[in-house]
N, C-alpha and C. Protein backbone atom coordinates (compact mmCIF):
# COMPACT_ATOMS: atom_id res chain seq x y z
N MET A 1 0.63 -1.30 -0.13
CA MET A 1 -0.14 0.01 0.19
C MET A 1 0.70 1.29 0.03
N ALA A 2 0.73 2.26 -0.98
CA ALA A 2 1.37 3.47 -1.05
C ALA A 2 0.84 4.46 0.28
N VAL A 3 1.71 5.10 0.73
CA VAL A 3 1.56 5.92 1.66
C VAL A 3 1.53 7.44 1.04
N PHE A 4 0.90 8.56 1.54
CA PHE A 4 1.05 9.74 1.06
C PHE A 4 0.53 10.59 2.07
N VAL A 5 1.05 11.52 2.92
CA VAL A 5 0.43 12.32 3.87
C VAL A 5 1.06 13.58 3.69
N LEU A 6 0.21 14.72 3.45
CA LEU A 6 0.37 16.05 3.23
C LEU A 6 0.54 16.86 4.58
N MET A 7 1.54 17.64 4.73
CA MET A 7 1.53 18.34 5.67
C MET A 7 1.70 19.82 5.58
N LEU A 8 0.86 20.76 6.02
CA LEU A 8 1.14 22.48 5.67
C LEU A 8 0.79 23.15 6.95
N LYS A 9 1.63 23.87 7.12
CA LYS A 9 1.96 24.73 8.34
C LYS A 9 0.82 25.90 8.22
N GLU A 10 0.23 25.85 9.45
CA GLU A 10 -0.92 26.79 9.66
C GLU A 10 -0.43 28.10 10.07
N PHE A 11 0.18 27.76 11.02
CA PHE A 11 0.57 28.92 12.20
C PHE A 11 2.22 28.32 12.92
N GLU A 12 2.67 29.57 13.19
CA GLU A 12 4.01 29.42 14.27
C GLU A 12 4.28 30.61 14.89
N ASN A 13 4.42 30.31 16.08
CA ASN A 13 5.03 31.67 16.95
C ASN A 13 6.12 30.87 17.91
N GLU A 14 6.33 31.63 18.79
CA GLU A 14 7.54 31.49 19.67
C GLU A 14 7.03 30.15 20.94
N ASP A 15 5.68 30.19 20.67
CA ASP A 15 5.19 29.00 21.80
C ASP A 15 4.66 27.81 21.09
N ARG A 16 4.42 27.66 19.82
CA ARG A 16 4.03 26.46 19.16
C ARG A 16 3.84 26.65 17.86
N VAL A 17 3.77 25.49 17.14
CA VAL A 17 3.49 25.54 15.66
C VAL A 17 2.38 24.50 15.29
N VAL A 18 1.65 24.93 14.64
CA VAL A 18 0.21 23.94 14.13
C VAL A 18 0.50 24.05 12.45
N TYR A 19 0.08 22.51 12.32
CA TYR A 19 0.06 21.86 10.87
C TYR A 19 -1.16 21.26 10.48
N LEU A 20 -1.62 21.53 9.29
CA LEU A 20 -2.72 20.83 8.88
C LEU A 20 -2.10 19.38 8.28
N TYR A 21 -2.72 18.16 8.43
CA TYR A 21 -2.18 17.09 7.69
C TYR A 21 -3.18 16.15 7.22
N GLY A 22 -3.10 15.46 6.25
CA GLY A 22 -3.96 14.56 5.68
C GLY A 22 -3.83 13.91 4.41
N PRO A 23 -4.60 13.48 3.82
CA PRO A 23 -4.37 12.76 2.49
C PRO A 23 -4.41 13.66 1.30
N ASN A 24 -4.97 14.49 1.57
CA ASN A 24 -5.40 15.85 0.52
C ASN A 24 -5.88 16.99 1.28
N GLU A 25 -5.93 18.08 0.52
CA GLU A 25 -6.12 19.52 0.89
C GLU A 25 -7.77 19.43 1.40
N ASN A 26 -8.58 18.29 1.10
CA ASN A 26 -9.97 18.27 1.26
C ASN A 26 -10.06 17.66 2.56
N SER A 27 -9.63 16.84 2.99
CA SER A 27 -9.52 15.82 4.29
C SER A 27 -8.49 16.22 5.11
N MET A 28 -8.29 17.19 5.91
CA MET A 28 -7.23 17.47 6.90
C MET A 28 -7.59 17.56 8.13
N GLY A 29 -6.50 17.19 9.05
CA GLY A 29 -6.83 17.40 10.59
C GLY A 29 -5.73 18.16 11.18
N ARG A 30 -5.59 18.69 12.21
CA ARG A 30 -4.72 19.63 12.99
C ARG A 30 -3.83 19.19 13.87
N ILE A 31 -2.73 19.27 13.98
CA ILE A 31 -1.60 18.91 14.85
C ILE A 31 -0.95 20.05 15.24
N GLU A 32 -0.33 19.93 16.45
CA GLU A 32 0.45 21.12 16.94
C GLU A 32 1.78 20.73 17.74
N TYR A 33 2.77 21.48 17.91
CA TYR A 33 3.59 21.13 18.69
C TYR A 33 3.81 22.30 19.67
N ASP A 34 3.79 22.12 21.07
CA ASP A 34 3.49 23.12 22.08
C ASP A 34 5.55 23.28 22.38
N LYS A 35 5.90 24.11 21.89
CA LYS A 35 7.26 24.41 22.34
C LYS A 35 7.66 24.49 23.66
N LYS A 36 6.93 25.12 24.30
CA LYS A 36 7.31 25.23 25.81
C LYS A 36 7.30 24.06 26.51
N ASN A 37 6.17 23.20 26.25
CA ASN A 37 6.10 21.93 26.97
C ASN A 37 6.76 20.57 26.59
N ARG A 38 7.05 20.87 25.08
CA ARG A 38 7.58 19.80 24.43
C ARG A 38 6.81 18.77 24.11
N VAL A 39 5.34 18.76 23.64
CA VAL A 39 4.56 18.12 23.72
C VAL A 39 3.87 18.21 22.05
N ILE A 40 3.48 17.11 21.65
CA ILE A 40 2.93 17.12 20.19
C ILE A 40 1.14 16.82 20.44
N ASN A 41 0.33 17.56 20.06
CA ASN A 41 -1.23 17.36 20.53
C ASN A 41 -1.96 17.32 18.99
N GLN A 42 -3.20 16.62 19.24
CA GLN A 42 -3.74 16.44 18.16
C GLN A 42 -4.98 17.59 18.38
N LEU A 43 -5.00 18.56 17.63
CA LEU A 43 -5.93 19.72 17.76
C LEU A 43 -7.64 19.03 17.27
N SER A 44 -7.55 18.72 16.00
CA SER A 44 -8.65 18.20 15.54
C SER A 44 -8.15 17.06 14.51
N PRO A 45 -9.04 16.00 14.62
CA PRO A 45 -8.80 14.91 13.67
C PRO A 45 -9.21 15.10 12.05
N ILE A 46 -8.94 13.81 11.19
CA ILE A 46 -9.36 14.23 9.94
C ILE A 46 -10.95 13.84 10.01
N ASP A 47 -11.88 14.55 9.39
CA ASP A 47 -13.48 14.35 9.46
C ASP A 47 -13.75 13.49 8.41
N SER A 48 -13.49 12.64 8.15
CA SER A 48 -13.77 11.76 6.96
C SER A 48 -14.21 10.16 7.20
N GLN A 49 -15.33 9.71 6.29
CA GLN A 49 -15.61 8.46 6.47
C GLN A 49 -14.70 7.71 5.40
N GLU A 50 -14.03 8.09 4.60
CA GLU A 50 -13.16 7.32 3.69
C GLU A 50 -11.59 7.07 4.43
N PHE A 51 -11.22 8.01 5.15
CA PHE A 51 -9.62 8.01 5.68
C PHE A 51 -9.95 7.71 7.14
N ALA A 52 -9.10 7.02 7.65
CA ALA A 52 -8.62 6.80 9.25
C ALA A 52 -7.75 7.43 9.84
N ASP A 53 -8.45 8.31 10.54
CA ASP A 53 -7.53 9.61 11.10
C ASP A 53 -6.20 9.10 11.77
N ASP A 54 -6.26 7.68 12.55
CA ASP A 54 -5.20 7.44 13.35
C ASP A 54 -3.86 6.97 12.43
N PHE A 55 -4.09 6.58 11.45
CA PHE A 55 -3.17 6.31 10.40
C PHE A 55 -2.38 7.82 10.02
N PHE A 56 -2.93 8.60 9.80
CA PHE A 56 -2.43 10.02 9.15
C PHE A 56 -1.64 10.63 10.49
N PHE A 57 -2.35 10.73 11.45
CA PHE A 57 -2.06 11.30 12.66
C PHE A 57 -0.68 10.88 13.25
N LYS A 58 -0.46 9.50 13.34
CA LYS A 58 0.57 8.90 13.62
C LYS A 58 1.92 9.35 12.64
N ARG A 59 1.67 9.13 11.23
CA ARG A 59 2.60 9.82 10.62
C ARG A 59 2.80 11.20 10.50
N ALA A 60 1.89 11.79 10.68
CA ALA A 60 2.33 13.51 11.02
C ALA A 60 2.89 13.70 12.26
N GLY A 61 2.79 12.92 13.06
CA GLY A 61 3.35 13.30 14.35
C GLY A 61 4.88 12.95 14.29
N ARG A 62 5.22 11.81 13.59
CA ARG A 62 6.68 11.30 13.09
C ARG A 62 7.31 12.10 12.55
N ARG A 63 6.64 12.82 11.59
CA ARG A 63 7.32 13.88 10.72
C ARG A 63 7.70 15.05 11.61
N LEU A 64 6.51 15.40 12.40
CA LEU A 64 6.59 16.52 13.30
C LEU A 64 8.10 16.50 14.46
N SER A 65 8.11 15.13 14.57
CA SER A 65 9.18 14.52 15.79
C SER A 65 10.38 14.81 15.01
N ARG A 66 10.47 14.54 13.75
CA ARG A 66 11.61 14.64 12.84
C ARG A 66 12.28 15.98 12.76
N MET A 67 11.16 16.74 12.33
CA MET A 67 11.54 18.25 12.27
C MET A 67 12.12 18.82 13.73
N ILE A 68 11.65 18.62 14.68
CA ILE A 68 11.77 19.19 16.30
C ILE A 68 13.45 18.50 16.44
N ILE A 69 13.67 16.79 16.05
CA ILE A 69 15.08 16.60 16.90
C ILE A 69 16.11 16.54 15.52
N LYS A 70 15.81 16.25 14.63
CA LYS A 70 16.99 16.13 13.53
C LYS A 70 16.97 17.19 12.56
N GLU A 71 15.86 17.76 12.81
CA GLU A 71 16.03 19.29 11.63
C GLU A 71 16.33 20.39 12.55
N ASN A 72 16.64 20.26 14.17
CA ASN A 72 16.74 21.52 14.92
C ASN A 72 15.63 22.42 14.88
N GLN A 73 14.30 22.11 14.72
CA GLN A 73 13.05 22.72 14.81
C GLN A 73 13.33 23.50 13.69
N ASN A 74 13.37 23.22 12.60
CA ASN A 74 13.39 23.94 11.16
C ASN A 74 11.79 23.55 10.92
N PHE A 75 10.84 24.27 10.92
CA PHE A 75 9.41 24.06 10.88
C PHE A 75 9.00 24.62 9.30
N VAL A 76 9.31 23.60 8.50
CA VAL A 76 9.11 23.84 6.86
C VAL A 76 7.71 24.24 6.60
N ASP A 77 6.98 25.05 5.50
CA ASP A 77 5.80 25.59 5.31
C ASP A 77 4.98 24.36 4.96
N ARG A 78 5.70 23.63 4.02
CA ARG A 78 4.82 22.58 3.29
C ARG A 78 6.02 21.34 3.19
N THR A 79 5.29 19.78 3.75
CA THR A 79 6.16 18.76 3.67
C THR A 79 5.23 17.67 3.20
N THR A 80 5.51 16.72 2.54
CA THR A 80 4.87 15.34 2.36
C THR A 80 5.62 14.02 3.33
N ILE A 81 4.67 13.12 3.37
CA ILE A 81 5.33 11.69 3.75
C ILE A 81 4.93 10.66 2.51
N GLU A 82 5.82 10.23 1.90
CA GLU A 82 5.47 9.39 0.91
C GLU A 82 6.41 7.88 1.02
N SER A 83 5.83 6.78 0.62
CA SER A 83 6.53 5.49 0.74
C SER A 83 5.52 4.66 -0.10
């Protein structure tokens, strides 16, 4: 099975960064990284009967973790996860 997750940065300030995530721009949830408390939170799940939110949320969380740890908190405006 092919995997494609789109992530679009919605907001960033010194306290947090928020991304939209999902299989396409029509079905997206919201995920945030709280920079002060160092916690990733789901703000809203994907609202779709067609796509399982848990699948996309876990992958978005891993990509966000990579930006935090390996990419030194370089939060890009747009990224994808493909495999």
